Amino acid sequence: MASFLGRGFDSRRLHQESSMESRYFVSLQKTDEGYSVWVPGLPGCASQGMTEQEALDNIRDAIQEYLTVADELAGQGEKREVVLQR
């Protein structure tokens, strides 16, 4: 991961280096209006749909938009690396 230090952070590039696809777990809940869906690993990333499939298609679009904004925001300011040991 240290290879991106000093350059603009691009989360999609990091995902692409490790594999050709990215996978996210989503939470799906049936509601009176259809389905709500959100990504626990991406705070604030949520969507909905009338059907389960529509909700899943919509959250896929929401994830892509979320990552685009995250990349833009990460391009601002100085970069630092934080290591977490568990």
C-alpha atoms as a PDB file:
ATOM      1  CA  MET A   1       0.000   0.000   0.000  1.00  0.00           C
ATOM      2  CA  ALA A   2       2.909   2.356   0.519  1.00  0.00           C
ATOM      3  CA  SER A   3       3.249   2.624  -3.271  1.00  0.00           C
ATOM      4  CA  PHE A   4       0.466   5.218  -3.444  1.00  0.00           C
ATOM      5  CA  LEU A   5       2.051   7.583  -0.904  1.00  0.00           C
ATOM      6  CA  GLY A   6       2.961  10.889  -2.450  1.00  0.00           C
ATOM      7  CA  ARG A   7       0.509  10.418  -5.305  1.00  0.00           C
ATOM      8  CA  GLY A   8      -3.225  10.970  -5.574  1.00  0.00           C
ATOM      9  CA  PHE A   9      -5.090   8.195  -3.800  1.00  0.00           C
ATOM     10  CA  ASP A  10      -7.324   6.158  -6.088  1.00  0.00           C
ATOM     11  CA  SER A  11      -9.290   3.461  -4.274  1.00  0.00           C
ATOM     12  CA  ARG A  12     -10.344   1.838  -7.547  1.00  0.00           C
ATOM     13  CA  ARG A  13      -6.689   1.519  -8.568  1.00  0.00           C
ATOM     14  CA  LEU A  14      -5.934  -0.257  -5.306  1.00  0.00           C
ATOM     15  CA  HIS A  15      -8.832  -2.633  -5.881  1.00  0.00           C
ATOM     16  CA  GLN A  16      -7.789  -3.249  -9.471  1.00  0.00           C
ATOM     17  CA  GLU A  17      -4.217  -4.064  -8.499  1.00  0.00           C
ATOM     18  CA  SER A  18      -5.417  -6.859  -6.247  1.00  0.00           C
ATOM     19  CA  SER A  19      -8.184  -8.189  -8.530  1.00  0.00           C
ATOM     20  CA  MET A  20     -10.325  -7.356 -11.508  1.00  0.00           C
ATOM     21  CA  GLU A  21     -13.461  -6.913  -9.440  1.00  0.00           C
ATOM     22  CA  SER A  22     -14.406  -5.397  -6.111  1.00  0.00           C
ATOM     23  CA  ARG A  23     -16.932  -6.976  -3.788  1.00  0.00           C
ATOM     24  CA  TYR A  24     -18.904  -5.251  -1.059  1.00  0.00           C
ATOM     25  CA  PHE A  25     -21.256  -6.759   1.474  1.00  0.00           C
ATOM     26  CA  VAL A  26     -24.590  -4.966   1.553  1.00  0.00           C
ATOM     27  CA  SER A  27     -27.498  -5.073   3.961  1.00  0.00           C
ATOM     28  CA  LEU A  28     -30.934  -5.393   2.387  1.00  0.00           C
ATOM     29  CA  GLN A  29     -34.235  -4.828   4.152  1.00  0.00           C
ATOM     30  CA  LYS A  30     -37.771  -5.157   2.839  1.00  0.00           C
ATOM     31  CA  THR A  31     -39.887  -2.107   3.616  1.00  0.00           C
ATOM     32  CA  ASP A  32     -43.445  -0.981   2.924  1.00  0.00           C
ATOM     33  CA  GLU A  33     -42.103   0.952  -0.093  1.00  0.00           C
ATOM     34  CA  GLY A  34     -39.895  -1.822  -1.523  1.00  0.00           C
ATOM     35  CA  TYR A  35     -36.314  -2.505  -0.441  1.00  0.00           C
ATOM     36  CA  SER A  36     -33.680  -0.440   1.354  1.00  0.00           C
ATOM     37  CA  VAL A  37     -30.041  -1.337   0.853  1.00  0.00           C
ATOM     38  CA  TRP A  38     -26.828   0.053   2.336  1.00  0.00           C
ATOM     39  CA  VAL A  39     -23.121  -0.757   2.511  1.00  0.00           C
ATOM     40  CA  PRO A  40     -21.928  -1.091   6.124  1.00  0.00           C
ATOM     41  CA  GLY A  41     -18.299  -0.675   5.004  1.00  0.00           C
ATOM     42  CA  LEU A  42     -19.025   2.648   3.242  1.00  0.00           C
ATOM     43  CA  PRO A  43     -20.752   4.999   5.716  1.00  0.00           C
ATOM     44  CA  GLY A  44     -23.604   6.911   4.121  1.00  0.00           C
ATOM     45  CA  CYS A  45     -23.706   4.732   1.007  1.00  0.00           C
ATOM     46  CA  ALA A  46     -27.343   3.677   0.680  1.00  0.00           C
ATOM     47  CA  SER A  47     -30.084   3.297  -1.890  1.00  0.00           C
ATOM     48  CA  GLN A  48     -33.471   1.709  -2.440  1.00  0.00           C
ATOM     49  CA  GLY A  49     -35.659   0.070  -5.051  1.00  0.00           C
ATOM     50  CA  MET A  50     -39.150  -1.274  -5.628  1.00  0.00           C
ATOM     51  CA  THR A  51     -37.760  -4.787  -6.089  1.00  0.00           C
ATOM     52  CA  GLU A  52     -34.754  -6.537  -4.582  1.00  0.00           C
ATOM     53  CA  GLN A  53     -33.000  -6.563  -7.969  1.00  0.00           C
ATOM     54  CA  GLU A  54     -33.666  -2.857  -8.534  1.00  0.00           C
ATOM     55  CA  ALA A  55     -32.266  -2.062  -5.069  1.00  0.00           C
ATOM     56  CA  LEU A  56     -29.126  -4.108  -5.797  1.00  0.00           C
ATOM     57  CA  ASP A  57     -28.671  -2.417  -9.175  1.00  0.00           C
ATOM     58  CA  ASN A  58     -29.112   0.994  -7.529  1.00  0.00           C
ATOM     59  CA  ILE A  59     -26.605   0.273  -4.752  1.00  0.00           C
ATOM     60  CA  ARG A  60     -24.055  -0.813  -7.368  1.00  0.00           C
ATOM     61  CA  ASP A  61     -24.398   2.655  -8.946  1.00  0.00           C
ATOM     62  CA  ALA A  62     -24.258   4.296  -5.501  1.00  0.00           C
ATOM     63  CA  ILE A  63     -21.021   2.462  -4.649  1.00  0.00           C
ATOM     64  CA  GLN A  64     -19.394   3.652  -7.877  1.00  0.00           C
ATOM     65  CA  GLU A  65     -20.444   7.246  -7.183  1.00  0.00           C
ATOM     66  CA  TYR A  66     -19.291   6.949  -3.556  1.00  0.00           C
ATOM     67  CA  LEU A  67     -15.839   5.772  -4.651  1.00  0.00           C
ATOM     68  CA  THR A  68     -15.581   8.565  -7.227  1.00  0.00           C
ATOM     69  CA  VAL A  69     -16.286  11.213  -4.575  1.00  0.00           C
ATOM     70  CA  ALA A  70     -13.931   9.506  -2.093  1.00  0.00           C
ATOM     71  CA  ASP A  71     -11.145   9.627  -4.705  1.00  0.00           C
ATOM     72  CA  GLU A  72     -11.795  13.334  -5.346  1.00  0.00           C
ATOM     73  CA  LEU A  73     -11.803  14.170  -1.628  1.00  0.00           C
ATOM     74  CA  ALA A  74      -8.682  12.096  -1.000  1.00  0.00           C
ATOM     75  CA  GLY A  75      -6.863  14.168  -3.607  1.00  0.00           C
ATOM     76  CA  GLN A  76      -7.065  17.194  -1.307  1.00  0.00           C
ATOM     77  CA  GLY A  77      -4.601  17.849   1.479  1.00  0.00           C
ATOM     78  CA  GLU A  78      -1.504  15.966   2.599  1.00  0.00           C
ATOM     79  CA  LYS A  79      -1.418  12.173   2.682  1.00  0.00           C
ATOM     80  CA  ARG A  80      -0.406  10.010   5.626  1.00  0.00           C
ATOM     81  CA  GLU A  81      -0.517   6.277   6.190  1.00  0.00           C
ATOM     82  CA  VAL A  82      -2.054   4.853   9.360  1.00  0.00           C
ATOM     83  CA  VAL A  83      -1.329   1.260  10.378  1.00  0.00           C
ATOM     84  CA  LEU A  84      -3.759  -0.605  12.583  1.00  0.00           C
ATOM     85  CA  GLN A  85      -2.696  -3.749  14.413  1.00  0.00           C
ATOM     86  CA  ARG A  86      -5.447  -5.953  15.779  1.00  0.00           C
END
